[in-house]
């Protein structure tokens, strides 16, 4: 019986580690699916087009199914401390919408930080925050404006903070913003107050604030005041 010679085997071939797919997010958070991870990773992109596309997708999900983004809450909150005004503006718009997923419990814990955006140096963020708290005094006017616009979303999704939202919006007069920038944030605050007004227990204070803006040097603020009074008079 012929015995076959056994060919000596070399060392086992080492498999090359699989390459990460292009665009794969560097975000790992329990409970977040791959698609959501990709969107969150895009929010921090340096490329404006990529970041904007990711933001629009996140905003749509937050509005339709906020529970899908709730596991990502810590990651979005982290954007509040970003040196990039665009990142703060993104957080200003997403957080109030995601808050609907847990009845506002998460938002209440970061409310003070949020409203500070109303004094953000970026007028854009402050205007959005005028619809979210601390962002209203963010150094970025861009951030402040976004925060102003989002205050109404906070009031709707976190009813226990409705009074705080109104108080913060009415306090924009004392923010660090000056001149035209402050008037733009006020215009966004008036729009947010218009959404909150029907259920607010602070109607007299709101009306006084809005009526005072009829003499604003900003045409945008004067127009917002006229529209508010036409809508809520009688």
C-alpha atoms as a PDB file:
ATOM      1  CA  UNK A   1       0.000   0.000   0.000  1.00  0.00           C
ATOM      2  CA  UNK A   2       1.454   3.270  -1.173  1.00  0.00           C
ATOM      3  CA  UNK A   3       1.551   6.039   1.339  1.00  0.00           C
ATOM      4  CA  UNK A   4       1.214   9.569   0.040  1.00  0.00           C
ATOM      5  CA  UNK A   5       3.767  12.016   1.221  1.00  0.00           C
ATOM      6  CA  UNK A   6       2.210  14.718   3.280  1.00  0.00           C
ATOM      7  CA  UNK A   7       3.180  18.163   2.023  1.00  0.00           C
ATOM      8  CA  UNK A   8       4.276  20.312   4.898  1.00  0.00           C
ATOM      9  CA  UNK A   9       1.913  23.175   5.503  1.00  0.00           C
ATOM     10  CA  UNK A  10       3.113  26.687   6.007  1.00  0.00           C
ATOM     11  CA  UNK A  11       1.769  28.968   8.674  1.00  0.00           C
ATOM     12  CA  UNK A  12      -1.951  29.638   8.457  1.00  0.00           C
ATOM     13  CA  UNK A  13      -2.742  32.649   6.314  1.00  0.00           C
ATOM     14  CA  UNK A  14      -3.853  35.608   8.337  1.00  0.00           C
ATOM     15  CA  UNK A  15      -7.035  37.236   7.145  1.00  0.00           C
ATOM     16  CA  UNK A  16      -6.774  40.921   6.602  1.00  0.00           C
ATOM     17  CA  UNK A  17      -9.099  42.871   8.854  1.00  0.00           C
ATOM     18  CA  UNK A  18     -12.164  44.069   7.021  1.00  0.00           C
ATOM     19  CA  UNK A  19     -11.937  47.658   5.994  1.00  0.00           C
ATOM     20  CA  UNK A  20     -14.423  50.028   7.445  1.00  0.00           C
ATOM     21  CA  UNK A  21     -16.955  51.079   4.875  1.00  0.00           C
ATOM     22  CA  UNK A  22     -16.609  54.631   3.646  1.00  0.00           C
ATOM     23  CA  UNK A  23     -18.735  56.975   5.662  1.00  0.00           C
ATOM     24  CA  UNK A  24     -19.123  54.542   8.531  1.00  0.00           C
ATOM     25  CA  UNK A  25     -19.801  56.606  11.644  1.00  0.00           C
ATOM     26  CA  UNK A  26     -17.377  56.862  14.507  1.00  0.00           C
ATOM     27  CA  UNK A  27     -20.370  56.858  16.842  1.00  0.00           C
ATOM     28  CA  UNK A  28     -21.080  53.913  19.112  1.00  0.00           C
ATOM     29  CA  UNK A  29     -24.043  54.154  21.432  1.00  0.00           C
ATOM     30  CA  UNK A  30     -26.186  51.241  22.667  1.00  0.00           C
ATOM     31  CA  UNK A  31     -29.626  51.164  21.093  1.00  0.00           C
ATOM     32  CA  UNK A  32     -28.718  53.198  18.008  1.00  0.00           C
ATOM     33  CA  UNK A  33     -29.146  51.498  14.640  1.00  0.00           C
ATOM     34  CA  UNK A  34     -26.614  51.723  11.829  1.00  0.00           C
ATOM     35  CA  UNK A  35     -28.611  54.241   9.793  1.00  0.00           C
ATOM     36  CA  UNK A  36     -29.054  56.524  12.790  1.00  0.00           C
ATOM     37  CA  UNK A  37     -25.337  56.222  13.565  1.00  0.00           C
ATOM     38  CA  UNK A  38     -24.545  57.355  10.049  1.00  0.00           C
ATOM     39  CA  UNK A  39     -26.799  60.383  10.407  1.00  0.00           C
ATOM     40  CA  UNK A  40     -25.293  61.320  13.770  1.00  0.00           C
ATOM     41  CA  UNK A  41     -21.797  60.997  12.373  1.00  0.00           C
ATOM     42  CA  UNK A  42     -22.789  63.309   9.533  1.00  0.00           C
ATOM     43  CA  UNK A  43     -23.925  65.995  11.983  1.00  0.00           C
ATOM     44  CA  UNK A  44     -20.323  66.529  12.999  1.00  0.00           C
ATOM     45  CA  UNK A  45     -18.944  66.531   9.462  1.00  0.00           C
ATOM     46  CA  UNK A  46     -16.762  69.429   8.365  1.00  0.00           C
ATOM     47  CA  UNK A  47     -18.324  69.321   4.899  1.00  0.00           C
ATOM     48  CA  UNK A  48     -21.331  71.665   4.876  1.00  0.00           C
ATOM     49  CA  UNK A  49     -23.306  69.604   2.351  1.00  0.00           C
ATOM     50  CA  UNK A  50     -22.844  66.359   4.305  1.00  0.00           C
ATOM     51  CA  UNK A  51     -23.708  68.034   7.599  1.00  0.00           C
ATOM     52  CA  UNK A  52     -26.824  69.704   6.177  1.00  0.00           C
ATOM     53  CA  UNK A  53     -28.079  66.447   4.629  1.00  0.00           C
ATOM     54  CA  UNK A  54     -27.557  64.596   7.925  1.00  0.00           C
ATOM     55  CA  UNK A  55     -29.299  67.366   9.853  1.00  0.00           C
ATOM     56  CA  UNK A  56     -32.356  67.355   7.580  1.00  0.00           C
ATOM     57  CA  UNK A  57     -32.618  63.573   7.985  1.00  0.00           C
ATOM     58  CA  UNK A  58     -32.266  63.805  11.779  1.00  0.00           C
ATOM     59  CA  UNK A  59     -34.827  66.607  11.971  1.00  0.00           C
ATOM     60  CA  UNK A  60     -37.338  64.541  10.002  1.00  0.00           C
ATOM     61  CA  UNK A  61     -36.840  61.498  12.241  1.00  0.00           C
ATOM     62  CA  UNK A  62     -37.070  63.647  15.386  1.00  0.00           C
ATOM     63  CA  UNK A  63     -40.381  65.063  14.206  1.00  0.00           C
ATOM     64  CA  UNK A  64     -41.931  61.769  13.091  1.00  0.00           C
ATOM     65  CA  UNK A  65     -40.435  59.102  15.383  1.00  0.00           C
ATOM     66  CA  UNK A  66     -38.431  60.870  18.127  1.00  0.00           C
ATOM     67  CA  UNK A  67     -38.056  57.632  20.082  1.00  0.00           C
ATOM     68  CA  UNK A  68     -35.547  56.454  17.466  1.00  0.00           C
ATOM     69  CA  UNK A  69     -33.217  59.292  18.411  1.00  0.00           C
ATOM     70  CA  UNK A  70     -33.717  59.118  22.182  1.00  0.00           C
ATOM     71  CA  UNK A  71     -30.737  56.720  22.658  1.00  0.00           C
ATOM     72  CA  UNK A  72     -28.619  59.379  20.936  1.00  0.00           C
ATOM     73  CA  UNK A  73     -29.692  62.093  23.402  1.00  0.00           C
ATOM     74  CA  UNK A  74     -26.246  62.330  25.120  1.00  0.00           C
ATOM     75  CA  UNK A  75     -24.553  62.725  21.753  1.00  0.00           C
ATOM     76  CA  UNK A  76     -26.851  65.556  20.674  1.00  0.00           C
ATOM     77  CA  UNK A  77     -26.543  67.268  24.075  1.00  0.00           C
ATOM     78  CA  UNK A  78     -22.778  67.202  23.584  1.00  0.00           C
ATOM     79  CA  UNK A  79     -23.212  69.506  20.597  1.00  0.00           C
ATOM     80  CA  UNK A  80     -24.422  72.256  22.960  1.00  0.00           C
ATOM     81  CA  UNK A  81     -20.836  72.698  24.138  1.00  0.00           C
ATOM     82  CA  UNK A  82     -19.338  72.711  20.641  1.00  0.00           C
ATOM     83  CA  UNK A  83     -17.207  75.680  19.597  1.00  0.00           C
ATOM     84  CA  UNK A  84     -18.910  75.406  16.211  1.00  0.00           C
ATOM     85  CA  UNK A  85     -22.046  77.584  16.075  1.00  0.00           C
ATOM     86  CA  UNK A  86     -23.580  75.293  13.442  1.00  0.00           C
ATOM     87  CA  UNK A  87     -23.315  72.347  15.838  1.00  0.00           C
ATOM     88  CA  UNK A  88     -25.003  74.333  18.614  1.00  0.00           C
ATOM     89  CA  UNK A  89     -27.744  75.372  16.202  1.00  0.00           C
ATOM     90  CA  UNK A  90     -28.313  71.726  15.262  1.00  0.00           C
ATOM     91  CA  UNK A  91     -28.708  70.783  18.935  1.00  0.00           C
ATOM     92  CA  UNK A  92     -31.068  73.733  19.432  1.00  0.00           C
ATOM     93  CA  UNK A  93     -33.463  72.332  16.860  1.00  0.00           C
ATOM     94  CA  UNK A  94     -33.195  68.606  17.556  1.00  0.00           C
ATOM     95  CA  UNK A  95     -33.373  68.432  21.367  1.00  0.00           C
ATOM     96  CA  UNK A  96     -36.905  69.877  21.800  1.00  0.00           C
ATOM     97  CA  UNK A  97     -38.262  67.469  19.193  1.00  0.00           C
ATOM     98  CA  UNK A  98     -36.527  64.410  20.652  1.00  0.00           C
ATOM     99  CA  UNK A  99     -37.886  65.462  24.072  1.00  0.00           C
ATOM    100  CA  UNK A 100     -41.335  64.270  22.999  1.00  0.00           C
ATOM    101  CA  UNK A 101     -40.101  60.667  23.229  1.00  0.00           C
ATOM    102  CA  UNK A 102     -39.898  60.615  27.037  1.00  0.00           C
ATOM    103  CA  UNK A 103     -42.368  63.312  28.003  1.00  0.00           C
ATOM    104  CA  UNK A 104     -39.638  65.897  28.472  1.00  0.00           C
ATOM    105  CA  UNK A 105     -37.846  64.089  31.315  1.00  0.00           C
ATOM    106  CA  UNK A 106     -34.475  64.280  29.552  1.00  0.00           C
ATOM    107  CA  UNK A 107     -34.981  67.874  28.488  1.00  0.00           C
ATOM    108  CA  UNK A 108     -35.738  69.069  32.008  1.00  0.00           C
ATOM    109  CA  UNK A 109     -32.256  67.944  33.060  1.00  0.00           C
ATOM    110  CA  UNK A 110     -30.540  70.138  30.470  1.00  0.00           C
ATOM    111  CA  UNK A 111     -33.079  72.987  30.293  1.00  0.00           C
ATOM    112  CA  UNK A 112     -30.793  75.623  31.832  1.00  0.00           C
ATOM    113  CA  UNK A 113     -28.030  74.868  29.348  1.00  0.00           C
ATOM    114  CA  UNK A 114     -30.510  74.937  26.519  1.00  0.00           C
ATOM    115  CA  UNK A 115     -31.998  78.321  27.323  1.00  0.00           C
ATOM    116  CA  UNK A 116     -28.543  79.895  27.534  1.00  0.00           C
ATOM    117  CA  UNK A 117     -28.486  79.605  23.758  1.00  0.00           C
ATOM    118  CA  UNK A 118     -30.842  82.572  23.652  1.00  0.00           C
ATOM    119  CA  UNK A 119     -27.779  84.690  24.360  1.00  0.00           C
ATOM    120  CA  UNK A 120     -25.583  82.753  21.939  1.00  0.00           C
ATOM    121  CA  UNK A 121     -23.142  85.016  20.095  1.00  0.00           C
ATOM    122  CA  UNK A 122     -24.597  83.520  16.931  1.00  0.00           C
ATOM    123  CA  UNK A 123     -27.878  85.308  16.220  1.00  0.00           C
ATOM    124  CA  UNK A 124     -29.038  82.325  14.168  1.00  0.00           C
ATOM    125  CA  UNK A 125     -28.770  79.997  17.161  1.00  0.00           C
ATOM    126  CA  UNK A 126     -30.406  82.483  19.520  1.00  0.00           C
ATOM    127  CA  UNK A 127     -33.351  82.878  17.179  1.00  0.00           C
ATOM    128  CA  UNK A 128     -33.861  79.123  17.081  1.00  0.00           C
ATOM    129  CA  UNK A 129     -33.451  78.934  20.821  1.00  0.00           C
ATOM    130  CA  UNK A 130     -36.091  81.573  21.265  1.00  0.00           C
ATOM    131  CA  UNK A 131     -38.152  78.538  20.469  1.00  0.00           C
ATOM    132  CA  UNK A 132     -34.948  76.831  23.474  1.00  0.00           C
ATOM    133  CA  UNK A 133     -33.609  78.522  26.851  1.00  0.00           C
ATOM    134  CA  UNK A 134     -29.869  78.963  27.575  1.00  0.00           C
ATOM    135  CA  UNK A 135     -29.130  79.061  23.880  1.00  0.00           C
ATOM    136  CA  UNK A 136     -31.009  82.351  23.803  1.00  0.00           C
ATOM    137  CA  UNK A 137     -27.887  84.033  25.137  1.00  0.00           C
ATOM    138  CA  UNK A 138     -25.451  82.033  23.030  1.00  0.00           C
ATOM    139  CA  UNK A 139     -22.582  84.188  21.710  1.00  0.00           C
ATOM    140  CA  UNK A 140     -23.574  83.126  18.204  1.00  0.00           C
ATOM    141  CA  UNK A 141     -26.620  85.045  16.956  1.00  0.00           C
ATOM    142  CA  UNK A 142     -27.265  82.150  14.588  1.00  0.00           C
ATOM    143  CA  UNK A 143     -27.598  79.772  17.540  1.00  0.00           C
ATOM    144  CA  UNK A 144     -29.689  82.250  19.518  1.00  0.00           C
ATOM    145  CA  UNK A 145     -32.204  82.653  16.693  1.00  0.00           C
ATOM    146  CA  UNK A 146     -32.656  78.902  16.261  1.00  0.00           C
ATOM    147  CA  UNK A 147     -33.145  78.532  20.008  1.00  0.00           C
ATOM    148  CA  UNK A 148     -35.785  81.269  20.007  1.00  0.00           C
ATOM    149  CA  UNK A 149     -37.758  79.643  17.229  1.00  0.00           C
ATOM    150  CA  UNK A 150     -37.749  76.315  19.054  1.00  0.00           C
ATOM    151  CA  UNK A 151     -39.098  77.494  22.412  1.00  0.00           C
ATOM    152  CA  UNK A 152     -42.626  76.723  21.231  1.00  0.00           C
ATOM    153  CA  UNK A 153     -41.595  73.113  20.566  1.00  0.00           C
ATOM    154  CA  UNK A 154     -40.284  72.850  24.120  1.00  0.00           C
ATOM    155  CA  UNK A 155     -43.523  74.287  25.500  1.00  0.00           C
ATOM    156  CA  UNK A 156     -45.542  71.746  23.519  1.00  0.00           C
ATOM    157  CA  UNK A 157     -43.429  68.682  24.328  1.00  0.00           C
ATOM    158  CA  UNK A 158     -42.567  69.618  27.930  1.00  0.00           C
ATOM    159  CA  UNK A 159     -45.702  71.375  29.318  1.00  0.00           C
ATOM    160  CA  UNK A 160     -44.133  71.752  32.766  1.00  0.00           C
ATOM    161  CA  UNK A 161     -41.589  74.126  31.200  1.00  0.00           C
ATOM    162  CA  UNK A 162     -44.146  76.280  29.383  1.00  0.00           C
ATOM    163  CA  UNK A 163     -43.916  79.069  31.966  1.00  0.00           C
ATOM    164  CA  UNK A 164     -40.122  78.939  31.910  1.00  0.00           C
ATOM    165  CA  UNK A 165     -40.143  79.181  28.131  1.00  0.00           C
ATOM    166  CA  UNK A 166     -42.244  82.349  28.247  1.00  0.00           C
ATOM    167  CA  UNK A 167     -40.104  83.891  30.993  1.00  0.00           C
ATOM    168  CA  UNK A 168     -36.913  83.211  29.053  1.00  0.00           C
ATOM    169  CA  UNK A 169     -38.317  84.670  25.857  1.00  0.00           C
ATOM    170  CA  UNK A 170     -39.508  87.809  27.611  1.00  0.00           C
ATOM    171  CA  UNK A 171     -36.021  88.228  29.104  1.00  0.00           C
ATOM    172  CA  UNK A 172     -34.347  88.510  25.706  1.00  0.00           C
ATOM    173  CA  UNK A 173     -34.247  92.267  26.297  1.00  0.00           C
ATOM    174  CA  UNK A 174     -31.494  91.663  28.858  1.00  0.00           C
ATOM    175  CA  UNK A 175     -29.428  89.341  26.648  1.00  0.00           C
ATOM    176  CA  UNK A 176     -25.954  90.357  25.466  1.00  0.00           C
ATOM    177  CA  UNK A 177     -27.168  90.924  21.899  1.00  0.00           C
ATOM    178  CA  UNK A 178     -27.283  94.490  20.680  1.00  0.00           C
ATOM    179  CA  UNK A 179     -28.960  96.496  17.939  1.00  0.00           C
ATOM    180  CA  UNK A 180     -30.353  94.706  14.899  1.00  0.00           C
ATOM    181  CA  UNK A 181     -29.201  91.321  16.176  1.00  0.00           C
ATOM    182  CA  UNK A 182     -31.328  91.595  19.301  1.00  0.00           C
ATOM    183  CA  UNK A 183     -34.335  92.740  17.267  1.00  0.00           C
ATOM    184  CA  UNK A 184     -34.049  89.670  15.026  1.00  0.00           C
ATOM    185  CA  UNK A 185     -34.064  87.374  18.064  1.00  0.00           C
ATOM    186  CA  UNK A 186     -37.096  89.267  19.404  1.00  0.00           C
ATOM    187  CA  UNK A 187     -38.918  88.685  16.112  1.00  0.00           C
ATOM    188  CA  UNK A 188     -38.366  84.935  16.451  1.00  0.00           C
ATOM    189  CA  UNK A 189     -39.389  85.088  20.104  1.00  0.00           C
ATOM    190  CA  UNK A 190     -42.689  86.724  19.093  1.00  0.00           C
ATOM    191  CA  UNK A 191     -43.365  83.895  16.642  1.00  0.00           C
ATOM    192  CA  UNK A 192     -42.696  81.323  19.361  1.00  0.00           C
ATOM    193  CA  UNK A 193     -44.857  83.231  21.854  1.00  0.00           C
ATOM    194  CA  UNK A 194     -47.654  83.199  19.303  1.00  0.00           C
ATOM    195  CA  UNK A 195     -47.647  79.402  19.388  1.00  0.00           C
ATOM    196  CA  UNK A 196     -47.508  79.279  23.186  1.00  0.00           C
ATOM    197  CA  UNK A 197     -50.028  82.079  23.823  1.00  0.00           C
ATOM    198  CA  UNK A 198     -53.347  80.136  23.640  1.00  0.00           C
ATOM    199  CA  UNK A 199     -52.405  77.866  26.574  1.00  0.00           C
ATOM    200  CA  UNK A 200     -50.250  80.328  28.504  1.00  0.00           C
ATOM    201  CA  UNK A 201     -51.173  81.721  31.921  1.00  0.00           C
ATOM    202  CA  UNK A 202     -48.949  84.730  31.201  1.00  0.00           C
ATOM    203  CA  UNK A 203     -51.006  86.366  28.465  1.00  0.00           C
ATOM    204  CA  UNK A 204     -50.799  89.946  29.887  1.00  0.00           C
ATOM    205  CA  UNK A 205     -46.998  89.816  30.070  1.00  0.00           C
ATOM    206  CA  UNK A 206     -46.757  88.392  26.573  1.00  0.00           C
ATOM    207  CA  UNK A 207     -49.028  91.075  25.119  1.00  0.00           C
ATOM    208  CA  UNK A 208     -47.039  93.871  26.764  1.00  0.00           C
ATOM    209  CA  UNK A 209     -43.826  92.491  25.305  1.00  0.00           C
ATOM    210  CA  UNK A 210     -45.304  92.143  21.821  1.00  0.00           C
ATOM    211  CA  UNK A 211     -46.980  95.564  21.865  1.00  0.00           C
ATOM    212  CA  UNK A 212     -43.652  97.169  22.789  1.00  0.00           C
ATOM    213  CA  UNK A 213     -42.091  95.707  19.646  1.00  0.00           C
ATOM    214  CA  UNK A 214     -44.448  97.711  17.427  1.00  0.00           C
ATOM    215  CA  UNK A 215     -41.952 100.561  17.756  1.00  0.00           C
ATOM    216  CA  UNK A 216     -38.912  98.351  17.135  1.00  0.00           C
ATOM    217  CA  UNK A 217     -36.268  99.744  14.752  1.00  0.00           C
ATOM    218  CA  UNK A 218     -36.427  96.386  12.962  1.00  0.00           C
ATOM    219  CA  UNK A 219     -39.065  95.930  10.283  1.00  0.00           C
ATOM    220  CA  UNK A 220     -38.924  92.175  10.908  1.00  0.00           C
ATOM    221  CA  UNK A 221     -39.800  92.617  14.595  1.00  0.00           C
ATOM    222  CA  UNK A 222     -42.542  95.163  13.849  1.00  0.00           C
ATOM    223  CA  UNK A 223     -44.108  92.834  11.299  1.00  0.00           C
ATOM    224  CA  UNK A 224     -43.977  89.895  13.738  1.00  0.00           C
ATOM    225  CA  UNK A 225     -45.691  92.057  16.386  1.00  0.00           C
ATOM    226  CA  UNK A 226     -48.448  93.158  13.993  1.00  0.00           C
ATOM    227  CA  UNK A 227     -49.119  89.587  12.904  1.00  0.00           C
ATOM    228  CA  UNK A 228     -49.229  88.386  16.521  1.00  0.00           C
ATOM    229  CA  UNK A 229     -51.709  91.085  17.572  1.00  0.00           C
ATOM    230  CA  UNK A 230     -53.899  90.513  14.529  1.00  0.00           C
ATOM    231  CA  UNK A 231     -53.989  86.807  15.300  1.00  0.00           C
ATOM    232  CA  UNK A 232     -54.587  87.084  19.039  1.00  0.00           C
ATOM    233  CA  UNK A 233     -56.861  90.112  19.337  1.00  0.00           C
ATOM    234  CA  UNK A 234     -60.586  89.743  19.885  1.00  0.00           C
END
